[in-house]
């Protein structure tokens, strides 16, 4: 659905006096998105996520590189790209002075639907996204969550095969974010729509995406499923909790000897990096039993997406 090859975007740096000063917003980015995937562009503010989306949606021309979007060449078939995709920008595009119904119908007309079909399609989408009771409400009176649902509905009026969502949940409360996540999943699960979304929310990326493209400093630094990105952080963490401080010295000795790593103590919890599988864990637990140590709990936790993300971006900054 998307094939991006060596995309690069350079802007003049207007903050400097030299006319040759430049800002490289996106630097040699290549990736593919298959039909039916939900793929996340993950990165901090200023990483190049929005610029990447603006290039792929024909809103800005790449300085260099090529891409195919929905089967069409980005440079030579831009009008066909626009007809095949939906796009929800960070700020949305609905007018405060228009009603929900007017926006949905007008978008249908802009995409070539007849007035009858535009009205019918708008009503269908309003019902799907819980906007039917708001049909005659002015957009300026909607809550943040309602506006984002309207933005998504507007992007779907022409039945696109691919939808771009740029920071879709920025500024939303937790309940509205969770509701929007459900709608994004529904796009793929019930309508077969491919989704490329940008976000800097790690929980959002973990909850929604089949694959993550991690961008930092305009460069693509990782590409894979969330679980694979997490594994880039390194080993799991084994945490053993004991009922009293008297158990701690012997537990530290056992875990140090068994793993070859230096454990960390927090209260009655002892944590250590653990690279072994379940078989190795069984051997470690057997050694704890052999030392006659009492444990209150044992937890083996994989790296979080937060840890992996910060590890990856820290390496990029250091480089």
C-alpha atoms as a PDB file:
ATOM      1  CA  UNK A   1       0.000   0.000   0.000  1.00  0.00           C
ATOM      2  CA  UNK A   2       2.985   2.303   0.632  1.00  0.00           C
ATOM      3  CA  UNK A   3       6.489   1.953  -0.782  1.00  0.00           C
ATOM      4  CA  UNK A   4       8.755   4.800   0.256  1.00  0.00           C
ATOM      5  CA  UNK A   5      12.314   4.819  -1.045  1.00  0.00           C
ATOM      6  CA  UNK A   6      15.022   7.185   0.215  1.00  0.00           C
ATOM      7  CA  UNK A   7      12.647  10.050   0.983  1.00  0.00           C
ATOM      8  CA  UNK A   8      14.377  13.251   1.971  1.00  0.00           C
ATOM      9  CA  UNK A   9      13.020  16.694   2.810  1.00  0.00           C
ATOM     10  CA  UNK A  10      15.201  19.751   3.314  1.00  0.00           C
ATOM     11  CA  UNK A  11      13.939  23.195   4.341  1.00  0.00           C
ATOM     12  CA  UNK A  12      15.898  26.454   4.408  1.00  0.00           C
ATOM     13  CA  UNK A  13      16.769  27.468   7.955  1.00  0.00           C
ATOM     14  CA  UNK A  14      15.214  30.915   8.240  1.00  0.00           C
ATOM     15  CA  UNK A  15      16.547  31.358  11.768  1.00  0.00           C
ATOM     16  CA  UNK A  16      20.083  31.849  10.442  1.00  0.00           C
ATOM     17  CA  UNK A  17      21.501  34.649   8.335  1.00  0.00           C
ATOM     18  CA  UNK A  18      23.325  32.415   5.871  1.00  0.00           C
ATOM     19  CA  UNK A  19      21.197  31.644   2.784  1.00  0.00           C
ATOM     20  CA  UNK A  20      22.828  28.221   2.619  1.00  0.00           C
ATOM     21  CA  UNK A  21      21.659  27.138   6.052  1.00  0.00           C
ATOM     22  CA  UNK A  22      19.364  24.128   5.845  1.00  0.00           C
ATOM     23  CA  UNK A  23      17.219  21.931   8.055  1.00  0.00           C
ATOM     24  CA  UNK A  24      17.027  18.255   7.119  1.00  0.00           C
ATOM     25  CA  UNK A  25      13.539  17.291   8.324  1.00  0.00           C
ATOM     26  CA  UNK A  26      13.506  13.790   6.828  1.00  0.00           C
ATOM     27  CA  UNK A  27      16.744  12.042   5.931  1.00  0.00           C
ATOM     28  CA  UNK A  28      16.810   9.008   3.586  1.00  0.00           C
ATOM     29  CA  UNK A  29      13.701   7.242   4.919  1.00  0.00           C
ATOM     30  CA  UNK A  30      12.626   3.974   3.258  1.00  0.00           C
ATOM     31  CA  UNK A  31       9.827   1.621   4.340  1.00  0.00           C
ATOM     32  CA  UNK A  32       6.809  -0.327   3.144  1.00  0.00           C
ATOM     33  CA  UNK A  33       3.285  -0.697   4.497  1.00  0.00           C
ATOM     34  CA  UNK A  34       1.228  -3.711   3.434  1.00  0.00           C
ATOM     35  CA  UNK A  35      -2.519  -3.642   2.824  1.00  0.00           C
ATOM     36  CA  UNK A  36      -4.515  -4.158   6.008  1.00  0.00           C
ATOM     37  CA  UNK A  37      -1.740  -3.105   8.402  1.00  0.00           C
ATOM     38  CA  UNK A  38      -1.913  -0.523  11.161  1.00  0.00           C
ATOM     39  CA  UNK A  39       1.564   0.985  11.187  1.00  0.00           C
ATOM     40  CA  UNK A  40       2.775   3.620  13.610  1.00  0.00           C
ATOM     41  CA  UNK A  41       5.296   6.372  12.959  1.00  0.00           C
ATOM     42  CA  UNK A  42       6.726   6.705  16.448  1.00  0.00           C
ATOM     43  CA  UNK A  43       9.042   9.470  17.507  1.00  0.00           C
ATOM     44  CA  UNK A  44       9.460  12.555  19.697  1.00  0.00           C
ATOM     45  CA  UNK A  45       8.219  15.981  18.626  1.00  0.00           C
ATOM     46  CA  UNK A  46      10.321  17.255  15.761  1.00  0.00           C
ATOM     47  CA  UNK A  47      11.453  13.780  14.695  1.00  0.00           C
ATOM     48  CA  UNK A  48      10.081  14.121  11.160  1.00  0.00           C
ATOM     49  CA  UNK A  49       6.783  12.241  11.503  1.00  0.00           C
ATOM     50  CA  UNK A  50       4.507  14.998  10.211  1.00  0.00           C
ATOM     51  CA  UNK A  51       6.847  15.880   7.366  1.00  0.00           C
ATOM     52  CA  UNK A  52       6.913  12.238   6.293  1.00  0.00           C
ATOM     53  CA  UNK A  53       3.125  12.164   6.285  1.00  0.00           C
ATOM     54  CA  UNK A  54       2.885  15.445   4.392  1.00  0.00           C
ATOM     55  CA  UNK A  55       5.114  14.050   1.656  1.00  0.00           C
ATOM     56  CA  UNK A  56       3.135  10.801   1.379  1.00  0.00           C
ATOM     57  CA  UNK A  57      -0.175  12.697   1.222  1.00  0.00           C
ATOM     58  CA  UNK A  58       1.105  15.089  -1.515  1.00  0.00           C
ATOM     59  CA  UNK A  59       1.001  18.141   0.778  1.00  0.00           C
ATOM     60  CA  UNK A  60       4.705  18.787   0.297  1.00  0.00           C
ATOM     61  CA  UNK A  61       7.143  17.580  -2.352  1.00  0.00           C
ATOM     62  CA  UNK A  62      10.116  15.437  -1.336  1.00  0.00           C
ATOM     63  CA  UNK A  63      13.480  17.030  -1.954  1.00  0.00           C
ATOM     64  CA  UNK A  64      14.588  13.622  -3.200  1.00  0.00           C
ATOM     65  CA  UNK A  65      13.461  10.022  -3.157  1.00  0.00           C
ATOM     66  CA  UNK A  66      10.383   8.285  -4.527  1.00  0.00           C
ATOM     67  CA  UNK A  67       7.211   6.681  -3.225  1.00  0.00           C
ATOM     68  CA  UNK A  68       4.181   4.746  -4.353  1.00  0.00           C
ATOM     69  CA  UNK A  69       1.012   5.314  -2.351  1.00  0.00           C
ATOM     70  CA  UNK A  70      -2.085   3.149  -2.913  1.00  0.00           C
ATOM     71  CA  UNK A  71      -0.485   1.962  -6.132  1.00  0.00           C
ATOM     72  CA  UNK A  72       0.194   5.426  -7.572  1.00  0.00           C
ATOM     73  CA  UNK A  73       3.453   7.263  -8.067  1.00  0.00           C
ATOM     74  CA  UNK A  74       3.712  10.174  -5.660  1.00  0.00           C
ATOM     75  CA  UNK A  75       5.445  12.488  -8.132  1.00  0.00           C
ATOM     76  CA  UNK A  76       3.538  11.798 -11.348  1.00  0.00           C
ATOM     77  CA  UNK A  77       0.110  10.637 -10.144  1.00  0.00           C
ATOM     78  CA  UNK A  78      -0.552  12.906  -7.167  1.00  0.00           C
ATOM     79  CA  UNK A  79      -4.239  13.461  -8.049  1.00  0.00           C
ATOM     80  CA  UNK A  80      -4.855   9.703  -7.978  1.00  0.00           C
ATOM     81  CA  UNK A  81      -3.039   9.413  -4.655  1.00  0.00           C
ATOM     82  CA  UNK A  82      -5.325  12.064  -3.162  1.00  0.00           C
ATOM     83  CA  UNK A  83      -8.423  10.274  -4.462  1.00  0.00           C
ATOM     84  CA  UNK A  84      -7.323   6.973  -2.889  1.00  0.00           C
ATOM     85  CA  UNK A  85      -6.383   8.166   0.599  1.00  0.00           C
ATOM     86  CA  UNK A  86      -7.917   9.827   3.629  1.00  0.00           C
ATOM     87  CA  UNK A  87      -5.944  12.233   5.797  1.00  0.00           C
ATOM     88  CA  UNK A  88      -6.557  13.553   9.298  1.00  0.00           C
ATOM     89  CA  UNK A  89      -4.131  16.316  10.223  1.00  0.00           C
ATOM     90  CA  UNK A  90      -3.122  17.263  13.745  1.00  0.00           C
ATOM     91  CA  UNK A  91      -5.455  20.272  13.739  1.00  0.00           C
ATOM     92  CA  UNK A  92      -8.295  18.765  11.731  1.00  0.00           C
ATOM     93  CA  UNK A  93      -9.990  20.504   8.829  1.00  0.00           C
ATOM     94  CA  UNK A  94     -13.591  21.103   9.888  1.00  0.00           C
ATOM     95  CA  UNK A  95     -14.815  24.703  10.047  1.00  0.00           C
ATOM     96  CA  UNK A  96     -16.071  25.899  13.428  1.00  0.00           C
ATOM     97  CA  UNK A  97     -19.007  27.707  11.804  1.00  0.00           C
ATOM     98  CA  UNK A  98     -20.302  24.694   9.866  1.00  0.00           C
ATOM     99  CA  UNK A  99     -22.501  21.942  11.241  1.00  0.00           C
ATOM    100  CA  UNK A 100     -21.413  18.320  11.454  1.00  0.00           C
ATOM    101  CA  UNK A 101     -23.835  17.396   8.672  1.00  0.00           C
ATOM    102  CA  UNK A 102     -22.657  20.209   6.415  1.00  0.00           C
ATOM    103  CA  UNK A 103     -19.036  19.152   6.753  1.00  0.00           C
ATOM    104  CA  UNK A 104     -19.750  15.500   5.955  1.00  0.00           C
ATOM    105  CA  UNK A 105     -21.965  16.299   2.971  1.00  0.00           C
ATOM    106  CA  UNK A 106     -19.603  18.968   1.605  1.00  0.00           C
ATOM    107  CA  UNK A 107     -16.679  16.531   1.769  1.00  0.00           C
ATOM    108  CA  UNK A 108     -18.718  14.028  -0.194  1.00  0.00           C
ATOM    109  CA  UNK A 109     -19.479  16.643  -2.848  1.00  0.00           C
ATOM    110  CA  UNK A 110     -15.815  17.639  -3.053  1.00  0.00           C
ATOM    111  CA  UNK A 111     -14.960  14.013  -3.770  1.00  0.00           C
ATOM    112  CA  UNK A 112     -17.446  13.819  -6.624  1.00  0.00           C
ATOM    113  CA  UNK A 113     -20.454  12.226  -4.935  1.00  0.00           C
ATOM    114  CA  UNK A 114     -23.912  13.303  -6.006  1.00  0.00           C
ATOM    115  CA  UNK A 115     -25.887  15.344  -3.440  1.00  0.00           C
ATOM    116  CA  UNK A 116     -28.063  12.303  -2.673  1.00  0.00           C
ATOM    117  CA  UNK A 117     -25.075   9.981  -2.253  1.00  0.00           C
ATOM    118  CA  UNK A 118     -23.131  12.557  -0.230  1.00  0.00           C
ATOM    119  CA  UNK A 119     -26.032  12.947   2.196  1.00  0.00           C
ATOM    120  CA  UNK A 120     -26.531   9.177   2.511  1.00  0.00           C
ATOM    121  CA  UNK A 121     -22.812   8.563   3.043  1.00  0.00           C
ATOM    122  CA  UNK A 122     -22.620  11.360   5.607  1.00  0.00           C
ATOM    123  CA  UNK A 123     -25.542   9.913   7.547  1.00  0.00           C
ATOM    124  CA  UNK A 124     -23.969   6.446   7.521  1.00  0.00           C
ATOM    125  CA  UNK A 125     -20.666   7.748   8.856  1.00  0.00           C
ATOM    126  CA  UNK A 126     -22.377   9.955  11.433  1.00  0.00           C
ATOM    127  CA  UNK A 127     -24.129   6.907  12.834  1.00  0.00           C
ATOM    128  CA  UNK A 128     -20.963   4.788  12.792  1.00  0.00           C
ATOM    129  CA  UNK A 129     -18.968   7.411  14.682  1.00  0.00           C
ATOM    130  CA  UNK A 130     -21.711   8.400  17.122  1.00  0.00           C
ATOM    131  CA  UNK A 131     -22.268  11.783  15.495  1.00  0.00           C
ATOM    132  CA  UNK A 132     -25.877  11.276  14.372  1.00  0.00           C
ATOM    133  CA  UNK A 133     -27.244  13.189  17.367  1.00  0.00           C
ATOM    134  CA  UNK A 134     -24.810  16.007  16.549  1.00  0.00           C
ATOM    135  CA  UNK A 135     -25.765  16.367  12.878  1.00  0.00           C
ATOM    136  CA  UNK A 136     -27.077  19.917  13.299  1.00  0.00           C
ATOM    137  CA  UNK A 137     -24.486  21.038  15.877  1.00  0.00           C
ATOM    138  CA  UNK A 138     -21.846  23.574  14.906  1.00  0.00           C
ATOM    139  CA  UNK A 139     -18.359  22.096  14.894  1.00  0.00           C
ATOM    140  CA  UNK A 140     -17.096  24.837  17.208  1.00  0.00           C
ATOM    141  CA  UNK A 141     -19.347  23.534  19.998  1.00  0.00           C
ATOM    142  CA  UNK A 142     -18.004  19.946  19.895  1.00  0.00           C
ATOM    143  CA  UNK A 143     -15.692  18.393  22.466  1.00  0.00           C
ATOM    144  CA  UNK A 144     -12.191  17.317  21.470  1.00  0.00           C
ATOM    145  CA  UNK A 145     -13.190  13.670  21.153  1.00  0.00           C
ATOM    146  CA  UNK A 146     -16.252  14.513  19.069  1.00  0.00           C
ATOM    147  CA  UNK A 147     -14.179  16.644  16.713  1.00  0.00           C
ATOM    148  CA  UNK A 148     -11.640  13.858  16.200  1.00  0.00           C
ATOM    149  CA  UNK A 149     -14.419  11.400  15.422  1.00  0.00           C
ATOM    150  CA  UNK A 150     -15.740  13.913  12.893  1.00  0.00           C
ATOM    151  CA  UNK A 151     -12.261  14.292  11.385  1.00  0.00           C
ATOM    152  CA  UNK A 152     -12.032  10.529  10.870  1.00  0.00           C
ATOM    153  CA  UNK A 153     -15.560  10.347   9.446  1.00  0.00           C
ATOM    154  CA  UNK A 154     -14.737  13.133   6.976  1.00  0.00           C
ATOM    155  CA  UNK A 155     -11.600  11.295   5.849  1.00  0.00           C
ATOM    156  CA  UNK A 156     -13.708   8.223   5.008  1.00  0.00           C
ATOM    157  CA  UNK A 157     -16.458   9.861   2.948  1.00  0.00           C
ATOM    158  CA  UNK A 158     -14.944   8.703  -0.369  1.00  0.00           C
ATOM    159  CA  UNK A 159     -14.178   5.165   0.900  1.00  0.00           C
ATOM    160  CA  UNK A 160     -10.366   5.392   0.796  1.00  0.00           C
ATOM    161  CA  UNK A 161      -8.203   2.276   0.968  1.00  0.00           C
ATOM    162  CA  UNK A 162      -5.547   4.015   3.048  1.00  0.00           C
ATOM    163  CA  UNK A 163      -5.930   6.528   5.883  1.00  0.00           C
ATOM    164  CA  UNK A 164      -3.237   8.747   7.406  1.00  0.00           C
ATOM    165  CA  UNK A 165      -3.772   9.900  10.995  1.00  0.00           C
ATOM    166  CA  UNK A 166      -1.328  12.541  12.234  1.00  0.00           C
ATOM    167  CA  UNK A 167      -1.199  12.584  16.049  1.00  0.00           C
ATOM    168  CA  UNK A 168      -4.916  11.653  16.232  1.00  0.00           C
ATOM    169  CA  UNK A 169      -5.293  11.745  20.021  1.00  0.00           C
ATOM    170  CA  UNK A 170      -3.240  14.800  21.013  1.00  0.00           C
ATOM    171  CA  UNK A 171      -5.106  16.772  23.665  1.00  0.00           C
ATOM    172  CA  UNK A 172      -7.783  14.146  24.282  1.00  0.00           C
ATOM    173  CA  UNK A 173      -8.725  12.863  27.723  1.00  0.00           C
ATOM    174  CA  UNK A 174      -8.093   9.136  28.484  1.00  0.00           C
ATOM    175  CA  UNK A 175     -11.693   8.089  27.788  1.00  0.00           C
ATOM    176  CA  UNK A 176     -11.736   9.868  24.419  1.00  0.00           C
ATOM    177  CA  UNK A 177      -8.357   8.368  23.507  1.00  0.00           C
ATOM    178  CA  UNK A 178      -9.594   4.854  24.277  1.00  0.00           C
ATOM    179  CA  UNK A 179     -12.730   5.470  22.220  1.00  0.00           C
ATOM    180  CA  UNK A 180     -10.689   6.706  19.268  1.00  0.00           C
ATOM    181  CA  UNK A 181      -8.412   3.662  19.483  1.00  0.00           C
ATOM    182  CA  UNK A 182     -11.481   1.454  19.111  1.00  0.00           C
ATOM    183  CA  UNK A 183     -12.529   3.377  16.001  1.00  0.00           C
ATOM    184  CA  UNK A 184      -9.058   3.040  14.473  1.00  0.00           C
ATOM    185  CA  UNK A 185      -9.101  -0.729  15.015  1.00  0.00           C
ATOM    186  CA  UNK A 186     -12.558  -0.834  13.466  1.00  0.00           C
ATOM    187  CA  UNK A 187     -11.249   0.827  10.305  1.00  0.00           C
ATOM    188  CA  UNK A 188      -8.983  -2.124   9.672  1.00  0.00           C
ATOM    189  CA  UNK A 189     -11.042  -4.950  11.172  1.00  0.00           C
ATOM    190  CA  UNK A 190     -14.420  -4.185   9.605  1.00  0.00           C
ATOM    191  CA  UNK A 191     -13.563  -2.069   6.562  1.00  0.00           C
ATOM    192  CA  UNK A 192     -10.147  -3.413   5.579  1.00  0.00           C
ATOM    193  CA  UNK A 193      -8.627   0.071   5.603  1.00  0.00           C
ATOM    194  CA  UNK A 194      -4.855   0.362   5.905  1.00  0.00           C
ATOM    195  CA  UNK A 195      -3.789   2.904   8.544  1.00  0.00           C
ATOM    196  CA  UNK A 196      -0.561   4.847   8.954  1.00  0.00           C
ATOM    197  CA  UNK A 197      -0.632   6.929  12.126  1.00  0.00           C
ATOM    198  CA  UNK A 198       1.945   9.116  13.773  1.00  0.00           C
ATOM    199  CA  UNK A 199       2.204   9.357  17.541  1.00  0.00           C
ATOM    200  CA  UNK A 200       4.583  10.091  20.357  1.00  0.00           C
ATOM    201  CA  UNK A 201       2.391   8.201  22.844  1.00  0.00           C
ATOM    202  CA  UNK A 202       4.089   4.883  23.541  1.00  0.00           C
ATOM    203  CA  UNK A 203       0.984   3.238  25.008  1.00  0.00           C
ATOM    204  CA  UNK A 204      -0.951   4.199  21.889  1.00  0.00           C
ATOM    205  CA  UNK A 205       1.647   2.675  19.589  1.00  0.00           C
ATOM    206  CA  UNK A 206       1.753  -0.507  21.667  1.00  0.00           C
ATOM    207  CA  UNK A 207      -2.033  -0.857  21.794  1.00  0.00           C
ATOM    208  CA  UNK A 208      -2.834  -0.103  18.151  1.00  0.00           C
ATOM    209  CA  UNK A 209      -0.004  -0.935  15.814  1.00  0.00           C
ATOM    210  CA  UNK A 210       0.978  -4.113  14.020  1.00  0.00           C
ATOM    211  CA  UNK A 211       4.318  -2.521  13.211  1.00  0.00           C
ATOM    212  CA  UNK A 212       6.290   0.480  14.374  1.00  0.00           C
ATOM    213  CA  UNK A 213       8.578   2.764  12.399  1.00  0.00           C
ATOM    214  CA  UNK A 214      10.729   4.598  14.933  1.00  0.00           C
ATOM    215  CA  UNK A 215      11.954   7.976  13.675  1.00  0.00           C
ATOM    216  CA  UNK A 216      14.496  10.178  15.386  1.00  0.00           C
ATOM    217  CA  UNK A 217      16.261  13.205  13.946  1.00  0.00           C
ATOM    218  CA  UNK A 218      14.570  12.658  10.593  1.00  0.00           C
ATOM    219  CA  UNK A 219      15.974   9.147  10.216  1.00  0.00           C
ATOM    220  CA  UNK A 220      14.312   5.752  10.470  1.00  0.00           C
ATOM    221  CA  UNK A 221      16.136   3.936  13.272  1.00  0.00           C
ATOM    222  CA  UNK A 222      13.933   0.865  13.806  1.00  0.00           C
ATOM    223  CA  UNK A 223      11.204  -1.042  11.967  1.00  0.00           C
ATOM    224  CA  UNK A 224       9.288  -3.978  13.385  1.00  0.00           C
ATOM    225  CA  UNK A 225       6.380  -5.210  15.521  1.00  0.00           C
ATOM    226  CA  UNK A 226       6.127  -3.685  19.011  1.00  0.00           C
ATOM    227  CA  UNK A 227       7.416  -6.926  20.565  1.00  0.00           C
ATOM    228  CA  UNK A 228      10.506  -6.848  18.350  1.00  0.00           C
ATOM    229  CA  UNK A 229      11.170  -3.196  19.164  1.00  0.00           C
ATOM    230  CA  UNK A 230      10.965  -4.072  22.848  1.00  0.00           C
ATOM    231  CA  UNK A 231      13.495  -6.892  22.401  1.00  0.00           C
ATOM    232  CA  UNK A 232      15.975  -4.378  21.014  1.00  0.00           C
ATOM    233  CA  UNK A 233      16.207  -3.067  24.571  1.00  0.00           C
ATOM    234  CA  UNK A 234      17.825  -6.326  25.684  1.00  0.00           C
ATOM    235  CA  UNK A 235      17.034  -8.959  28.278  1.00  0.00           C
ATOM    236  CA  UNK A 236      13.948  -9.348  30.422  1.00  0.00           C
ATOM    237  CA  UNK A 237      13.929  -8.254  34.051  1.00  0.00           C
ATOM    238  CA  UNK A 238      13.548 -10.834  36.806  1.00  0.00           C
ATOM    239  CA  UNK A 239      12.105  -9.391  40.009  1.00  0.00           C
ATOM    240  CA  UNK A 240      11.963 -11.426  43.211  1.00  0.00           C
ATOM    241  CA  UNK A 241      10.185 -10.080  46.296  1.00  0.00           C
ATOM    242  CA  UNK A 242      11.010 -11.446  49.741  1.00  0.00           C
ATOM    243  CA  UNK A 243       8.983 -11.093  52.957  1.00  0.00           C
ATOM    244  CA  UNK A 244      11.785  -9.612  55.087  1.00  0.00           C
ATOM    245  CA  UNK A 245      15.117  -7.820  54.843  1.00  0.00           C
ATOM    246  CA  UNK A 246      16.927 -10.761  56.384  1.00  0.00           C
ATOM    247  CA  UNK A 247      16.439 -12.684  53.144  1.00  0.00           C
ATOM    248  CA  UNK A 248      18.047  -9.995  50.963  1.00  0.00           C
ATOM    249  CA  UNK A 249      21.803 -10.781  51.329  1.00  0.00           C
ATOM    250  CA  UNK A 250      21.417 -14.452  50.448  1.00  0.00           C
ATOM    251  CA  UNK A 251      19.010 -13.662  47.581  1.00  0.00           C
ATOM    252  CA  UNK A 252      21.457 -11.132  46.141  1.00  0.00           C
ATOM    253  CA  UNK A 253      24.214 -13.727  46.243  1.00  0.00           C
ATOM    254  CA  UNK A 254      22.075 -16.395  44.554  1.00  0.00           C
ATOM    255  CA  UNK A 255      20.869 -14.091  41.751  1.00  0.00           C
ATOM    256  CA  UNK A 256      24.342 -12.661  41.115  1.00  0.00           C
ATOM    257  CA  UNK A 257      25.823 -16.141  40.843  1.00  0.00           C
ATOM    258  CA  UNK A 258      22.968 -17.515  38.725  1.00  0.00           C
ATOM    259  CA  UNK A 259      22.767 -14.665  36.189  1.00  0.00           C
ATOM    260  CA  UNK A 260      26.218 -13.100  36.185  1.00  0.00           C
ATOM    261  CA  UNK A 261      24.526  -9.706  36.534  1.00  0.00           C
ATOM    262  CA  UNK A 262      24.464  -7.191  39.385  1.00  0.00           C
ATOM    263  CA  UNK A 263      20.968  -7.084  40.979  1.00  0.00           C
ATOM    264  CA  UNK A 264      19.276  -3.881  42.110  1.00  0.00           C
ATOM    265  CA  UNK A 265      17.416  -3.614  45.405  1.00  0.00           C
ATOM    266  CA  UNK A 266      14.281  -1.546  46.003  1.00  0.00           C
ATOM    267  CA  UNK A 267      12.728  -2.169  49.378  1.00  0.00           C
ATOM    268  CA  UNK A 268      12.072  -5.896  49.510  1.00  0.00           C
ATOM    269  CA  UNK A 269      12.306  -6.294  45.719  1.00  0.00           C
ATOM    270  CA  UNK A 270      15.438  -7.517  43.974  1.00  0.00           C
ATOM    271  CA  UNK A 271      15.605  -7.027  40.204  1.00  0.00           C
ATOM    272  CA  UNK A 272      18.183  -8.343  37.765  1.00  0.00           C
ATOM    273  CA  UNK A 273      18.620  -8.434  33.985  1.00  0.00           C
ATOM    274  CA  UNK A 274      17.673 -11.908  32.836  1.00  0.00           C
ATOM    275  CA  UNK A 275      18.567 -13.279  29.401  1.00  0.00           C
ATOM    276  CA  UNK A 276      17.503 -16.878  29.982  1.00  0.00           C
ATOM    277  CA  UNK A 277      14.273 -18.593  28.981  1.00  0.00           C
ATOM    278  CA  UNK A 278      11.787 -20.526  31.087  1.00  0.00           C
ATOM    279  CA  UNK A 279      14.201 -23.416  31.515  1.00  0.00           C
ATOM    280  CA  UNK A 280      16.854 -21.108  32.958  1.00  0.00           C
ATOM    281  CA  UNK A 281      14.233 -19.477  35.185  1.00  0.00           C
ATOM    282  CA  UNK A 282      13.321 -22.887  36.604  1.00  0.00           C
ATOM    283  CA  UNK A 283      16.983 -23.481  37.420  1.00  0.00           C
ATOM    284  CA  UNK A 284      17.235 -20.098  39.175  1.00  0.00           C
ATOM    285  CA  UNK A 285      14.124 -20.803  41.227  1.00  0.00           C
ATOM    286  CA  UNK A 286      15.556 -24.211  42.162  1.00  0.00           C
ATOM    287  CA  UNK A 287      18.680 -22.480  43.473  1.00  0.00           C
ATOM    288  CA  UNK A 288      16.548 -20.091  45.503  1.00  0.00           C
ATOM    289  CA  UNK A 289      14.735 -23.088  47.029  1.00  0.00           C
ATOM    290  CA  UNK A 290      18.027 -24.851  47.688  1.00  0.00           C
ATOM    291  CA  UNK A 291      19.177 -21.801  49.648  1.00  0.00           C
ATOM    292  CA  UNK A 292      16.017 -22.126  51.802  1.00  0.00           C
ATOM    293  CA  UNK A 293      14.902 -18.625  50.833  1.00  0.00           C
ATOM    294  CA  UNK A 294      11.272 -17.590  51.115  1.00  0.00           C
ATOM    295  CA  UNK A 295       9.822 -15.527  48.259  1.00  0.00           C
ATOM    296  CA  UNK A 296       6.655 -13.448  48.280  1.00  0.00           C
ATOM    297  CA  UNK A 297       6.504 -13.154  44.477  1.00  0.00           C
ATOM    298  CA  UNK A 298       8.517 -13.780  41.326  1.00  0.00           C
ATOM    299  CA  UNK A 299       7.956 -11.793  38.117  1.00  0.00           C
ATOM    300  CA  UNK A 300       9.681 -12.050  34.744  1.00  0.00           C
ATOM    301  CA  UNK A 301       8.965  -8.891  32.759  1.00  0.00           C
ATOM    302  CA  UNK A 302       9.979  -8.103  29.166  1.00  0.00           C
ATOM    303  CA  UNK A 303      11.298  -4.618  28.375  1.00  0.00           C
ATOM    304  CA  UNK A 304       8.559  -2.010  28.006  1.00  0.00           C
ATOM    305  CA  UNK A 305       8.101  -0.036  24.816  1.00  0.00           C
ATOM    306  CA  UNK A 306       9.056   3.061  26.819  1.00  0.00           C
ATOM    307  CA  UNK A 307      12.418   1.532  27.703  1.00  0.00           C
ATOM    308  CA  UNK A 308      13.073   0.364  24.152  1.00  0.00           C
ATOM    309  CA  UNK A 309      12.086   3.725  22.675  1.00  0.00           C
ATOM    310  CA  UNK A 310      14.284   5.756  24.976  1.00  0.00           C
ATOM    311  CA  UNK A 311      17.176   3.335  24.476  1.00  0.00           C
ATOM    312  CA  UNK A 312      16.898   3.596  20.696  1.00  0.00           C
ATOM    313  CA  UNK A 313      16.527   7.375  20.583  1.00  0.00           C
ATOM    314  CA  UNK A 314      19.329   7.863  23.141  1.00  0.00           C
ATOM    315  CA  UNK A 315      21.683   5.839  20.941  1.00  0.00           C
ATOM    316  CA  UNK A 316      20.668   7.959  17.960  1.00  0.00           C
ATOM    317  CA  UNK A 317      21.361  11.213  19.810  1.00  0.00           C
ATOM    318  CA  UNK A 318      24.720   9.894  21.054  1.00  0.00           C
ATOM    319  CA  UNK A 319      25.693   8.899  17.516  1.00  0.00           C
END
